[in-house]
Amino acid sequence: MREPFLLINFKTYEQSTGKNAVILAKKICKLNKNISIAPQFADINQISKICKNVFAQHVDGIDFGRNTGHVLAESLKQAGAIGSLINHSERRIGIKEIESAVKACKRAKLISVVCVPDVKTAIKVDQMKPDYIAIEPPELIETGIAVSKAKPKVITNTVKNVNTKVICGAGISNGDDVKIAFELGTFGVLVSSAVVKSERPEKVLKEMIKYV
């Protein structure tokens, strides 16, 4: 996966579910090779045939066996995913669960992106050696107020205090937000509603990908 990159989280919006997810993925993935997307589990397989860089929205730290209702890393890999988000603000798990999920990703050769709300958590996660740490202050998510502008010190402090590559998210809405995030030392940016819920997602993305 090339850096710096954009990772578009499809969440469970109507605009990014089922047939709509496929339509949106086609629009997004033709624009730039540095764009990754995280669709819902049920859409991973069909979207992986359209886009190379597909992430899951969550993975559990389990192995093969009796784990009904859980998400197995190997199943994501076989479905076509190259990585997974872990501990997103909308799917928080405990520290031990994060560690198990990171290990499961390593076992299945998936890229791990662990989301954290603050620098303190980032330092703990850094010891697990994930591929990326995504700093996302939860109070800025879905606000349209970019973390790169509103709380730049959260980003720079995270970059200074961990060895893992850092990406950021929360409120990223336009190209300027992306540009500043990269200037602060990040390797990628998490984006969601600004693209997914836009009536013209290609227009929003074209402005953002000037910097990737």
N, C-alpha and C. Protein backbone atom coordinates (compact mmCIF):
# COMPACT_ATOMS: atom_id res chain seq x y z
N MET A 1 0.84 -1.20 0.00
CA MET A 1 0.00 0.00 0.00
C MET A 1 0.88 1.25 0.00
N ARG A 2 0.62 2.12 -0.92
CA ARG A 2 1.43 3.33 -1.05
C ARG A 2 1.11 4.35 0.05
N GLU A 3 2.11 5.16 0.37
CA GLU A 3 1.95 6.23 1.36
C GLU A 3 2.37 7.56 0.73
N PRO A 4 1.77 8.65 1.20
CA PRO A 4 0.64 8.73 2.13
C PRO A 4 -0.65 8.27 1.44
N PHE A 5 -1.66 7.94 2.24
CA PHE A 5 -2.87 7.38 1.66
C PHE A 5 -4.12 7.93 2.34
N LEU A 6 -5.23 7.74 1.67
CA LEU A 6 -6.54 8.03 2.24
C LEU A 6 -7.22 6.69 2.51
N LEU A 7 -7.86 6.56 3.65
CA LEU A 7 -8.64 5.36 3.97
C LEU A 7 -10.08 5.82 4.20
N ILE A 8 -10.96 5.43 3.29
CA ILE A 8 -12.36 5.85 3.35
C ILE A 8 -13.18 4.80 4.09
N ASN A 9 -13.70 5.16 5.24
CA ASN A 9 -14.52 4.26 6.04
C ASN A 9 -15.99 4.37 5.59
N PHE A 10 -16.52 3.27 5.04
CA PHE A 10 -17.90 3.28 4.55
C PHE A 10 -18.93 3.23 5.68
N LYS A 11 -18.51 2.84 6.87
CA LYS A 11 -19.41 2.69 8.02
C LYS A 11 -20.65 1.89 7.60
N THR A 12 -21.83 2.28 8.09
CA THR A 12 -23.05 1.57 7.68
C THR A 12 -24.07 2.55 7.10
N TYR A 13 -23.56 3.55 6.41
CA TYR A 13 -24.45 4.52 5.78
C TYR A 13 -25.25 3.85 4.66
N GLU A 14 -26.42 4.36 4.40
CA GLU A 14 -27.23 3.85 3.30
C GLU A 14 -26.50 4.03 1.98
N GLN A 15 -25.76 5.15 1.87
CA GLN A 15 -25.03 5.45 0.64
C GLN A 15 -23.89 4.47 0.38
N SER A 16 -23.53 3.68 1.38
CA SER A 16 -22.39 2.77 1.22
C SER A 16 -22.73 1.35 1.66
N THR A 17 -23.95 0.95 1.37
CA THR A 17 -24.42 -0.39 1.71
C THR A 17 -24.84 -1.15 0.45
N GLY A 18 -24.40 -2.40 0.33
CA GLY A 18 -24.84 -3.26 -0.77
C GLY A 18 -24.52 -2.69 -2.15
N LYS A 19 -25.54 -2.55 -2.97
CA LYS A 19 -25.36 -2.05 -4.33
C LYS A 19 -24.77 -0.64 -4.33
N ASN A 20 -25.20 0.17 -3.37
CA ASN A 20 -24.66 1.53 -3.27
C ASN A 20 -23.17 1.51 -2.95
N ALA A 21 -22.75 0.54 -2.15
CA ALA A 21 -21.33 0.42 -1.80
C ALA A 21 -20.50 0.11 -3.04
N VAL A 22 -21.02 -0.76 -3.89
CA VAL A 22 -20.32 -1.12 -5.13
C VAL A 22 -20.20 0.08 -6.06
N ILE A 23 -21.29 0.82 -6.20
CA ILE A 23 -21.28 2.01 -7.05
C ILE A 23 -20.28 3.03 -6.54
N LEU A 24 -20.29 3.26 -5.23
CA LEU A 24 -19.38 4.23 -4.62
C LEU A 24 -17.93 3.77 -4.75
N ALA A 25 -17.69 2.49 -4.55
CA ALA A 25 -16.33 1.95 -4.66
C ALA A 25 -15.78 2.14 -6.07
N LYS A 26 -16.61 1.95 -7.07
CA LYS A 26 -16.17 2.13 -8.45
C LYS A 26 -15.76 3.58 -8.71
N LYS A 27 -16.52 4.51 -8.14
CA LYS A 27 -16.21 5.93 -8.31
C LYS A 27 -14.89 6.29 -7.62
N ILE A 28 -14.70 5.72 -6.43
CA ILE A 28 -13.53 6.05 -5.63
C ILE A 28 -12.25 5.43 -6.17
N CYS A 29 -12.30 4.15 -6.48
CA CYS A 29 -11.08 3.40 -6.77
C CYS A 29 -10.47 3.69 -8.13
N LYS A 30 -11.20 4.38 -8.99
CA LYS A 30 -10.63 4.74 -10.28
C LYS A 30 -9.81 6.03 -10.21
N LEU A 31 -9.86 6.70 -9.06
CA LEU A 31 -9.24 8.01 -8.94
C LEU A 31 -7.75 7.98 -8.62
N ASN A 32 -7.36 7.07 -7.70
CA ASN A 32 -5.97 7.10 -7.24
C ASN A 32 -5.61 5.78 -6.56
N LYS A 33 -4.39 5.30 -6.77
CA LYS A 33 -3.95 4.04 -6.17
C LYS A 33 -3.65 4.19 -4.68
N ASN A 34 -3.62 5.42 -4.20
CA ASN A 34 -3.33 5.65 -2.78
C ASN A 34 -4.60 5.76 -1.94
N ILE A 35 -5.72 5.30 -2.49
CA ILE A 35 -6.98 5.31 -1.76
C ILE A 35 -7.35 3.89 -1.35
N SER A 36 -7.67 3.71 -0.08
CA SER A 36 -8.18 2.44 0.43
C SER A 36 -9.59 2.67 0.94
N ILE A 37 -10.38 1.60 0.97
CA ILE A 37 -11.74 1.74 1.48
C ILE A 37 -12.04 0.62 2.48
N ALA A 38 -12.92 0.93 3.43
CA ALA A 38 -13.34 -0.05 4.45
C ALA A 38 -14.85 -0.21 4.39
N PRO A 39 -15.32 -1.15 3.56
CA PRO A 39 -16.75 -1.39 3.46
C PRO A 39 -17.25 -2.29 4.58
N GLN A 40 -18.54 -2.55 4.61
CA GLN A 40 -19.11 -3.49 5.57
C GLN A 40 -18.66 -4.91 5.21
N PHE A 41 -18.68 -5.80 6.19
CA PHE A 41 -18.20 -7.17 5.98
C PHE A 41 -18.85 -7.85 4.78
N ALA A 42 -20.16 -7.69 4.65
CA ALA A 42 -20.90 -8.38 3.60
C ALA A 42 -20.52 -7.91 2.20
N ASP A 43 -19.89 -6.76 2.12
CA ASP A 43 -19.53 -6.18 0.82
C ASP A 43 -18.06 -6.35 0.46
N ILE A 44 -17.26 -6.88 1.37
CA ILE A 44 -15.81 -6.97 1.14
C ILE A 44 -15.48 -7.78 -0.11
N ASN A 45 -16.07 -8.94 -0.25
CA ASN A 45 -15.70 -9.82 -1.35
C ASN A 45 -15.96 -9.20 -2.71
N GLN A 46 -17.15 -8.65 -2.92
CA GLN A 46 -17.46 -8.09 -4.23
C GLN A 46 -16.68 -6.80 -4.49
N ILE A 47 -16.42 -6.03 -3.45
CA ILE A 47 -15.68 -4.78 -3.64
C ILE A 47 -14.19 -5.06 -3.85
N SER A 48 -13.68 -6.13 -3.28
CA SER A 48 -12.26 -6.47 -3.48
C SER A 48 -11.96 -6.81 -4.93
N LYS A 49 -12.98 -7.11 -5.71
CA LYS A 49 -12.81 -7.39 -7.13
C LYS A 49 -12.75 -6.11 -7.95
N ILE A 50 -13.12 -5.00 -7.30
CA ILE A 50 -13.10 -3.69 -7.94
C ILE A 50 -11.89 -2.88 -7.47
N CYS A 51 -11.62 -2.97 -6.17
CA CYS A 51 -10.55 -2.19 -5.54
C CYS A 51 -9.50 -3.11 -4.91
N LYS A 52 -8.24 -2.75 -5.05
CA LYS A 52 -7.16 -3.56 -4.47
C LYS A 52 -7.04 -3.37 -2.96
N ASN A 53 -7.16 -2.13 -2.52
CA ASN A 53 -6.88 -1.82 -1.12
C ASN A 53 -8.16 -1.79 -0.29
N VAL A 54 -8.64 -2.96 0.10
CA VAL A 54 -9.88 -3.06 0.87
C VAL A 54 -9.57 -3.49 2.30
N PHE A 55 -10.11 -2.73 3.25
CA PHE A 55 -9.94 -3.01 4.67
C PHE A 55 -11.28 -3.43 5.28
N ALA A 56 -11.21 -4.24 6.32
CA ALA A 56 -12.39 -4.54 7.12
C ALA A 56 -12.56 -3.43 8.16
N GLN A 57 -13.75 -3.32 8.70
CA GLN A 57 -14.01 -2.31 9.71
C GLN A 57 -13.69 -2.79 11.12
N HIS A 58 -13.45 -4.10 11.26
CA HIS A 58 -13.15 -4.68 12.57
C HIS A 58 -12.64 -6.10 12.36
N VAL A 59 -11.87 -6.58 13.30
CA VAL A 59 -11.44 -7.99 13.32
C VAL A 59 -11.31 -8.41 14.77
N ASP A 60 -11.65 -9.66 15.05
CA ASP A 60 -11.52 -10.18 16.41
C ASP A 60 -10.22 -10.97 16.56
N GLY A 61 -9.68 -10.97 17.76
CA GLY A 61 -8.44 -11.70 18.03
C GLY A 61 -8.71 -13.16 18.33
N ILE A 62 -9.28 -13.86 17.38
CA ILE A 62 -9.62 -15.27 17.56
C ILE A 62 -8.88 -16.12 16.54
N ASP A 63 -8.91 -17.41 16.76
CA ASP A 63 -8.35 -18.38 15.82
C ASP A 63 -9.49 -19.24 15.31
N PHE A 64 -9.22 -20.15 14.40
CA PHE A 64 -10.24 -21.06 13.89
C PHE A 64 -10.89 -21.81 15.06
N GLY A 65 -12.19 -22.03 14.98
CA GLY A 65 -12.85 -22.78 16.04
C GLY A 65 -14.27 -22.34 16.30
N ARG A 66 -14.68 -22.49 17.54
CA ARG A 66 -16.07 -22.21 17.93
C ARG A 66 -16.19 -20.75 18.36
N ASN A 67 -16.41 -19.88 17.41
CA ASN A 67 -16.47 -18.44 17.69
C ASN A 67 -17.61 -17.79 16.91
N THR A 68 -18.81 -18.34 17.04
CA THR A 68 -19.96 -17.84 16.30
C THR A 68 -20.16 -16.34 16.51
N GLY A 69 -20.34 -15.63 15.40
CA GLY A 69 -20.60 -14.20 15.47
C GLY A 69 -19.37 -13.33 15.52
N HIS A 70 -18.20 -13.95 15.58
CA HIS A 70 -16.95 -13.19 15.60
C HIS A 70 -16.38 -13.07 14.18
N VAL A 71 -15.38 -12.20 14.04
CA VAL A 71 -14.76 -11.96 12.74
C VAL A 71 -13.34 -12.52 12.74
N LEU A 72 -13.12 -13.54 11.95
CA LEU A 72 -11.83 -14.22 11.86
C LEU A 72 -10.93 -13.54 10.83
N ALA A 73 -9.70 -13.28 11.21
CA ALA A 73 -8.77 -12.59 10.33
C ALA A 73 -8.57 -13.33 9.00
N GLU A 74 -8.44 -14.65 9.07
CA GLU A 74 -8.23 -15.44 7.85
C GLU A 74 -9.42 -15.34 6.90
N SER A 75 -10.63 -15.22 7.45
CA SER A 75 -11.81 -15.10 6.58
C SER A 75 -11.80 -13.77 5.84
N LEU A 76 -11.31 -12.73 6.51
CA LEU A 76 -11.18 -11.42 5.86
C LEU A 76 -10.17 -11.48 4.73
N LYS A 77 -9.05 -12.15 5.01
CA LYS A 77 -8.00 -12.29 3.99
C LYS A 77 -8.54 -13.02 2.77
N GLN A 78 -9.26 -14.11 2.99
CA GLN A 78 -9.79 -14.89 1.89
C GLN A 78 -10.91 -14.16 1.15
N ALA A 79 -11.57 -13.25 1.83
CA ALA A 79 -12.63 -12.47 1.19
C ALA A 79 -12.07 -11.36 0.31
N GLY A 80 -10.76 -11.08 0.48
CA GLY A 80 -10.12 -10.08 -0.37
C GLY A 80 -9.62 -8.85 0.35
N ALA A 81 -9.74 -8.82 1.68
CA ALA A 81 -9.24 -7.66 2.44
C ALA A 81 -7.72 -7.71 2.56
N ILE A 82 -7.10 -6.54 2.63
CA ILE A 82 -5.65 -6.47 2.85
C ILE A 82 -5.33 -6.03 4.27
N GLY A 83 -6.35 -5.60 5.01
CA GLY A 83 -6.12 -5.13 6.37
C GLY A 83 -7.43 -4.90 7.10
N SER A 84 -7.31 -4.37 8.31
CA SER A 84 -8.52 -4.11 9.10
C SER A 84 -8.31 -2.96 10.07
N LEU A 85 -9.37 -2.22 10.29
CA LEU A 85 -9.42 -1.26 11.39
C LEU A 85 -9.59 -2.07 12.68
N ILE A 86 -9.05 -1.55 13.76
CA ILE A 86 -9.20 -2.17 15.07
C ILE A 86 -9.50 -1.07 16.08
N ASN A 87 -10.49 -1.28 16.93
CA ASN A 87 -10.79 -0.34 18.01
C ASN A 87 -11.26 1.03 17.51
N HIS A 88 -12.02 1.04 16.42
CA HIS A 88 -12.60 2.30 15.96
C HIS A 88 -13.50 2.86 17.06
N SER A 89 -13.68 4.16 17.10
CA SER A 89 -14.46 4.80 18.17
C SER A 89 -15.89 4.27 18.25
N GLU A 90 -16.37 3.73 17.13
CA GLU A 90 -17.72 3.18 17.11
C GLU A 90 -17.72 1.66 17.36
N ARG A 91 -16.53 1.12 17.62
CA ARG A 91 -16.41 -0.33 17.89
C ARG A 91 -15.24 -0.54 18.86
N ARG A 92 -15.33 0.14 20.01
CA ARG A 92 -14.26 0.07 21.00
C ARG A 92 -14.14 -1.32 21.62
N ILE A 93 -12.89 -1.72 21.86
CA ILE A 93 -12.61 -2.97 22.55
C ILE A 93 -11.52 -2.70 23.59
N GLY A 94 -11.28 -3.65 24.47
CA GLY A 94 -10.28 -3.46 25.53
C GLY A 94 -8.86 -3.62 25.02
N ILE A 95 -7.91 -3.22 25.85
CA ILE A 95 -6.49 -3.28 25.48
C ILE A 95 -6.05 -4.71 25.14
N LYS A 96 -6.47 -5.68 25.94
CA LYS A 96 -6.10 -7.07 25.68
C LYS A 96 -6.70 -7.56 24.35
N GLU A 97 -7.93 -7.11 24.08
CA GLU A 97 -8.59 -7.49 22.82
C GLU A 97 -7.88 -6.84 21.63
N ILE A 98 -7.42 -5.62 21.81
CA ILE A 98 -6.66 -4.95 20.75
C ILE A 98 -5.41 -5.75 20.43
N GLU A 99 -4.70 -6.13 21.49
CA GLU A 99 -3.47 -6.89 21.30
C GLU A 99 -3.72 -8.21 20.57
N SER A 100 -4.80 -8.89 20.94
CA SER A 100 -5.15 -10.15 20.29
C SER A 100 -5.51 -9.93 18.83
N ALA A 101 -6.20 -8.83 18.54
CA ALA A 101 -6.59 -8.51 17.17
C ALA A 101 -5.38 -8.19 16.31
N VAL A 102 -4.42 -7.47 16.88
CA VAL A 102 -3.18 -7.15 16.16
C VAL A 102 -2.43 -8.44 15.83
N LYS A 103 -2.36 -9.34 16.80
CA LYS A 103 -1.69 -10.63 16.57
C LYS A 103 -2.40 -11.43 15.49
N ALA A 104 -3.73 -11.39 15.50
CA ALA A 104 -4.51 -12.12 14.49
C ALA A 104 -4.23 -11.56 13.10
N CYS A 105 -4.09 -10.24 13.00
CA CYS A 105 -3.77 -9.62 11.70
C CYS A 105 -2.39 -10.06 11.22
N LYS A 106 -1.42 -10.09 12.14
CA LYS A 106 -0.07 -10.52 11.77
C LYS A 106 -0.09 -11.97 11.28
N ARG A 107 -0.87 -12.79 11.98
CA ARG A 107 -0.97 -14.21 11.61
C ARG A 107 -1.55 -14.38 10.21
N ALA A 108 -2.54 -13.57 9.89
CA ALA A 108 -3.23 -13.68 8.60
C ALA A 108 -2.60 -12.78 7.52
N LYS A 109 -1.53 -12.08 7.90
CA LYS A 109 -0.84 -11.17 6.99
C LYS A 109 -1.78 -10.06 6.50
N LEU A 110 -2.46 -9.47 7.46
CA LEU A 110 -3.32 -8.32 7.22
C LEU A 110 -2.68 -7.07 7.83
N ILE A 111 -2.88 -5.94 7.21
CA ILE A 111 -2.39 -4.66 7.75
C ILE A 111 -3.29 -4.25 8.90
N SER A 112 -2.71 -3.94 10.04
CA SER A 112 -3.49 -3.53 11.21
C SER A 112 -3.45 -2.02 11.40
N VAL A 113 -4.62 -1.42 11.51
CA VAL A 113 -4.76 0.01 11.78
C VAL A 113 -5.54 0.16 13.08
N VAL A 114 -4.83 0.46 14.16
CA VAL A 114 -5.48 0.56 15.46
C VAL A 114 -5.86 2.01 15.75
N CYS A 115 -7.14 2.23 15.96
CA CYS A 115 -7.63 3.58 16.26
C CYS A 115 -7.53 3.85 17.75
N VAL A 116 -7.10 5.05 18.10
CA VAL A 116 -6.96 5.43 19.51
C VAL A 116 -7.52 6.84 19.71
N PRO A 117 -8.06 7.12 20.91
CA PRO A 117 -8.64 8.43 21.16
C PRO A 117 -7.66 9.47 21.66
N ASP A 118 -6.49 9.00 22.16
CA ASP A 118 -5.55 9.95 22.76
C ASP A 118 -4.12 9.39 22.74
N VAL A 119 -3.18 10.25 23.13
CA VAL A 119 -1.76 9.89 23.11
C VAL A 119 -1.46 8.77 24.10
N LYS A 120 -2.09 8.81 25.26
CA LYS A 120 -1.86 7.79 26.29
C LYS A 120 -2.16 6.39 25.77
N THR A 121 -3.28 6.26 25.07
CA THR A 121 -3.64 4.96 24.51
C THR A 121 -2.70 4.59 23.37
N ALA A 122 -2.29 5.59 22.60
CA ALA A 122 -1.37 5.34 21.48
C ALA A 122 -0.06 4.73 21.98
N ILE A 123 0.44 5.21 23.12
CA ILE A 123 1.69 4.70 23.68
C ILE A 123 1.54 3.23 24.08
N LYS A 124 0.39 2.88 24.65
CA LYS A 124 0.14 1.49 25.02
C LYS A 124 0.08 0.60 23.79
N VAL A 125 -0.63 1.07 22.78
CA VAL A 125 -0.80 0.30 21.55
C VAL A 125 0.51 0.16 20.80
N ASP A 126 1.35 1.16 20.87
CA ASP A 126 2.65 1.15 20.19
C ASP A 126 3.47 -0.08 20.55
N GLN A 127 3.34 -0.52 21.79
CA GLN A 127 4.08 -1.69 22.27
C GLN A 127 3.64 -2.98 21.57
N MET A 128 2.45 -2.96 20.98
CA MET A 128 1.91 -4.13 20.27
C MET A 128 2.44 -4.23 18.84
N LYS A 129 3.07 -3.17 18.39
CA LYS A 129 3.65 -3.10 17.06
C LYS A 129 2.65 -3.36 15.92
N PRO A 130 1.56 -2.58 15.91
CA PRO A 130 0.65 -2.67 14.76
C PRO A 130 1.31 -1.99 13.56
N ASP A 131 0.70 -2.05 12.41
CA ASP A 131 1.26 -1.39 11.23
C ASP A 131 1.04 0.12 11.28
N TYR A 132 -0.12 0.52 11.76
CA TYR A 132 -0.45 1.94 11.89
C TYR A 132 -1.25 2.20 13.15
N ILE A 133 -1.07 3.39 13.70
CA ILE A 133 -1.93 3.88 14.78
C ILE A 133 -2.70 5.07 14.21
N ALA A 134 -4.02 5.05 14.37
CA ALA A 134 -4.86 6.15 13.88
C ALA A 134 -5.37 6.95 15.07
N ILE A 135 -4.89 8.19 15.18
CA ILE A 135 -5.33 9.04 16.28
C ILE A 135 -6.61 9.76 15.86
N GLU A 136 -7.67 9.54 16.65
CA GLU A 136 -8.99 10.10 16.32
C GLU A 136 -9.67 10.60 17.59
N PRO A 137 -9.56 11.87 17.93
CA PRO A 137 -10.31 12.40 19.08
C PRO A 137 -11.81 12.22 18.82
N PRO A 138 -12.51 11.42 19.63
CA PRO A 138 -13.91 11.09 19.36
C PRO A 138 -14.84 12.28 19.30
N GLU A 139 -14.50 13.34 20.02
CA GLU A 139 -15.39 14.50 20.06
C GLU A 139 -15.43 15.26 18.72
N LEU A 140 -14.48 14.96 17.83
CA LEU A 140 -14.44 15.66 16.54
C LEU A 140 -15.03 14.83 15.39
N ILE A 141 -15.30 13.56 15.65
CA ILE A 141 -15.83 12.70 14.59
C ILE A 141 -17.22 13.17 14.17
N GLU A 142 -17.44 13.26 12.87
CA GLU A 142 -18.72 13.68 12.28
C GLU A 142 -19.03 15.16 12.51
N THR A 143 -18.06 15.94 12.93
CA THR A 143 -18.33 17.36 13.20
C THR A 143 -18.00 18.26 12.01
N GLY A 144 -17.13 17.77 11.12
CA GLY A 144 -16.65 18.63 10.04
C GLY A 144 -15.52 19.53 10.51
N ILE A 145 -15.14 19.40 11.78
CA ILE A 145 -14.02 20.17 12.34
C ILE A 145 -12.82 19.23 12.36
N ALA A 146 -11.85 19.48 11.51
CA ALA A 146 -10.74 18.56 11.32
C ALA A 146 -9.77 18.54 12.49
N VAL A 147 -9.38 17.35 12.89
CA VAL A 147 -8.39 17.19 13.96
C VAL A 147 -7.08 17.88 13.59
N SER A 148 -6.75 17.88 12.31
CA SER A 148 -5.48 18.48 11.86
C SER A 148 -5.46 19.99 12.08
N LYS A 149 -6.65 20.59 12.17
CA LYS A 149 -6.73 22.03 12.41
C LYS A 149 -7.08 22.35 13.87
N ALA A 150 -8.03 21.58 14.41
CA ALA A 150 -8.52 21.86 15.76
C ALA A 150 -7.58 21.39 16.85
N LYS A 151 -6.92 20.22 16.63
CA LYS A 151 -6.05 19.67 17.66
C LYS A 151 -4.75 19.14 17.06
N PRO A 152 -3.99 20.01 16.42
CA PRO A 152 -2.74 19.56 15.79
C PRO A 152 -1.73 18.96 16.77
N LYS A 153 -1.74 19.45 18.03
CA LYS A 153 -0.79 18.94 19.02
C LYS A 153 -1.06 17.48 19.37
N VAL A 154 -2.32 17.06 19.27
CA VAL A 154 -2.64 15.66 19.52
C VAL A 154 -1.93 14.78 18.50
N ILE A 155 -1.87 15.27 17.27
CA ILE A 155 -1.20 14.53 16.20
C ILE A 155 0.31 14.55 16.40
N THR A 156 0.87 15.72 16.59
CA THR A 156 2.33 15.83 16.72
C THR A 156 2.84 15.11 17.97
N ASN A 157 2.08 15.16 19.05
CA ASN A 157 2.49 14.46 20.27
C ASN A 157 2.45 12.95 20.09
N THR A 158 1.48 12.48 19.31
CA THR A 158 1.40 11.05 19.02
C THR A 158 2.59 10.62 18.18
N VAL A 159 2.88 11.41 17.15
CA VAL A 159 4.01 11.11 16.27
C VAL A 159 5.32 11.06 17.06
N LYS A 160 5.48 11.98 18.00
CA LYS A 160 6.72 12.06 18.78
C LYS A 160 6.87 10.90 19.77
N ASN A 161 5.76 10.38 20.26
CA ASN A 161 5.81 9.42 21.36
C ASN A 161 5.65 7.95 20.98
N VAL A 162 5.49 7.67 19.69
CA VAL A 162 5.37 6.27 19.27
C VAL A 162 6.34 5.98 18.12
N ASN A 163 6.66 4.72 17.96
CA ASN A 163 7.51 4.29 16.85
C ASN A 163 6.69 3.84 15.64
N THR A 164 5.43 3.52 15.89
CA THR A 164 4.53 3.08 14.83
C THR A 164 4.16 4.26 13.92
N LYS A 165 3.94 3.98 12.66
CA LYS A 165 3.49 5.01 11.72
C LYS A 165 2.10 5.50 12.14
N VAL A 166 1.92 6.81 12.10
CA VAL A 166 0.67 7.42 12.56
C VAL A 166 -0.16 7.94 11.40
N ILE A 167 -1.47 7.67 11.48
CA ILE A 167 -2.42 8.32 10.58
C ILE A 167 -3.42 9.04 11.47
N CYS A 168 -4.28 9.88 10.91
CA CYS A 168 -5.23 10.60 11.75
C CYS A 168 -6.60 10.66 11.09
N GLY A 169 -7.60 10.90 11.90
CA GLY A 169 -8.96 11.03 11.40
C GLY A 169 -9.77 11.89 12.35
N ALA A 170 -11.03 12.09 12.03
CA ALA A 170 -12.00 12.88 12.79
C ALA A 170 -12.16 14.26 12.15
N GLY A 171 -13.27 14.44 11.49
CA GLY A 171 -13.63 15.75 10.93
C GLY A 171 -12.91 16.14 9.66
N ILE A 172 -12.11 15.25 9.08
CA ILE A 172 -11.40 15.58 7.84
C ILE A 172 -12.41 15.78 6.72
N SER A 173 -12.42 16.97 6.13
CA SER A 173 -13.49 17.31 5.19
C SER A 173 -13.03 17.79 3.81
N ASN A 174 -11.77 18.25 3.71
CA ASN A 174 -11.34 18.82 2.43
C ASN A 174 -9.83 18.64 2.23
N GLY A 175 -9.36 19.10 1.11
CA GLY A 175 -7.95 18.95 0.78
C GLY A 175 -7.02 19.65 1.73
N ASP A 176 -7.41 20.79 2.23
CA ASP A 176 -6.57 21.53 3.16
C ASP A 176 -6.38 20.75 4.46
N ASP A 177 -7.44 20.08 4.91
CA ASP A 177 -7.35 19.25 6.12
C ASP A 177 -6.33 18.13 5.92
N VAL A 178 -6.37 17.54 4.73
CA VAL A 178 -5.45 16.45 4.40
C VAL A 178 -4.01 16.96 4.33
N LYS A 179 -3.82 18.06 3.66
CA LYS A 179 -2.49 18.66 3.51
C LYS A 179 -1.84 18.92 4.86
N ILE A 180 -2.60 19.52 5.77
CA ILE A 180 -2.07 19.83 7.10
C ILE A 180 -1.74 18.56 7.87
N ALA A 181 -2.59 17.55 7.73
CA ALA A 181 -2.34 16.28 8.43
C ALA A 181 -1.00 15.68 8.02
N PHE A 182 -0.69 15.72 6.74
CA PHE A 182 0.57 15.18 6.26
C PHE A 182 1.75 16.04 6.70
N GLU A 183 1.55 17.35 6.75
CA GLU A 183 2.61 18.26 7.21
C GLU A 183 2.94 18.02 8.68
N LEU A 184 1.97 17.49 9.43
CA LEU A 184 2.16 17.22 10.86
C LEU A 184 2.86 15.89 11.11
N GLY A 185 3.13 15.15 10.03
CA GLY A 185 3.91 13.92 10.17
C GLY A 185 3.16 12.62 10.03
N THR A 186 1.91 12.68 9.58
CA THR A 186 1.14 11.45 9.42
C THR A 186 1.41 10.80 8.07
N PHE A 187 1.10 9.52 8.00
CA PHE A 187 1.29 8.73 6.77
C PHE A 187 -0.02 8.48 6.04
N GLY A 188 -1.12 8.85 6.65
CA GLY A 188 -2.42 8.61 6.04
C GLY A 188 -3.51 9.36 6.77
N VAL A 189 -4.69 9.37 6.17
CA VAL A 189 -5.83 10.08 6.75
C VAL A 189 -7.07 9.21 6.64
N LEU A 190 -7.82 9.12 7.74
CA LEU A 190 -9.10 8.43 7.75
C LEU A 190 -10.21 9.43 7.42
N VAL A 191 -11.05 9.07 6.47
CA VAL A 191 -12.15 9.93 6.04
C VAL A 191 -13.41 9.10 5.98
N SER A 192 -14.55 9.72 6.23
CA SER A 192 -15.80 8.98 6.11
C SER A 192 -16.91 9.83 5.52
N SER A 193 -17.69 10.48 6.37
CA SER A 193 -18.91 11.15 5.91
C SER A 193 -18.68 12.23 4.87
N ALA A 194 -17.53 12.91 4.93
CA ALA A 194 -17.25 13.96 3.95
C ALA A 194 -17.28 13.44 2.53
N VAL A 195 -16.91 12.16 2.37
CA VAL A 195 -16.93 11.51 1.06
C VAL A 195 -18.20 10.70 0.86
N VAL A 196 -18.47 9.80 1.79
CA VAL A 196 -19.57 8.84 1.64
C VAL A 196 -20.93 9.52 1.53
N LYS A 197 -21.15 10.57 2.32
CA LYS A 197 -22.45 11.22 2.33
C LYS A 197 -22.55 12.40 1.36
N SER A 198 -21.48 12.63 0.64
CA SER A 198 -21.47 13.73 -0.33
C SER A 198 -22.27 13.38 -1.57
N GLU A 199 -22.95 14.36 -2.14
CA GLU A 199 -23.66 14.14 -3.39
C GLU A 199 -22.68 14.03 -4.56
N ARG A 200 -21.47 14.54 -4.35
CA ARG A 200 -20.43 14.47 -5.38
C ARG A 200 -19.11 13.98 -4.75
N PRO A 201 -19.05 12.71 -4.38
CA PRO A 201 -17.86 12.19 -3.69
C PRO A 201 -16.58 12.33 -4.51
N GLU A 202 -16.68 12.20 -5.84
CA GLU A 202 -15.48 12.32 -6.68
C GLU A 202 -14.87 13.72 -6.56
N LYS A 203 -15.73 14.73 -6.48
CA LYS A 203 -15.24 16.10 -6.38
C LYS A 203 -14.48 16.31 -5.07
N VAL A 204 -15.05 15.78 -3.98
CA VAL A 204 -14.39 15.91 -2.67
C VAL A 204 -13.04 15.20 -2.69
N LEU A 205 -13.03 14.00 -3.25
CA LEU A 205 -11.80 13.21 -3.27
C LEU A 205 -10.73 13.79 -4.18
N LYS A 206 -11.12 14.36 -5.30
CA LYS A 206 -10.15 14.94 -6.21
C LYS A 206 -9.38 16.07 -5.54
N GLU A 207 -10.06 16.78 -4.64
CA GLU A 207 -9.39 17.84 -3.91
C GLU A 207 -8.42 17.25 -2.88
N MET A 208 -8.83 16.14 -2.26
CA MET A 208 -8.00 15.52 -1.23
C MET A 208 -6.78 14.82 -1.80
N ILE A 209 -6.94 14.16 -2.93
CA ILE A 209 -5.85 13.33 -3.47
C ILE A 209 -4.76 14.15 -4.15
N LYS A 210 -4.90 15.45 -4.16
CA LYS A 210 -3.80 16.28 -4.65
C LYS A 210 -2.57 16.10 -3.78
N TYR A 211 -2.80 15.65 -2.56
CA TYR A 211 -1.72 15.60 -1.56
C TYR A 211 -1.27 14.17 -1.27
N VAL A 212 -1.75 13.19 -2.02
CA VAL A 212 -1.32 11.79 -1.80
C VAL A 212 -0.58 11.27 -3.02
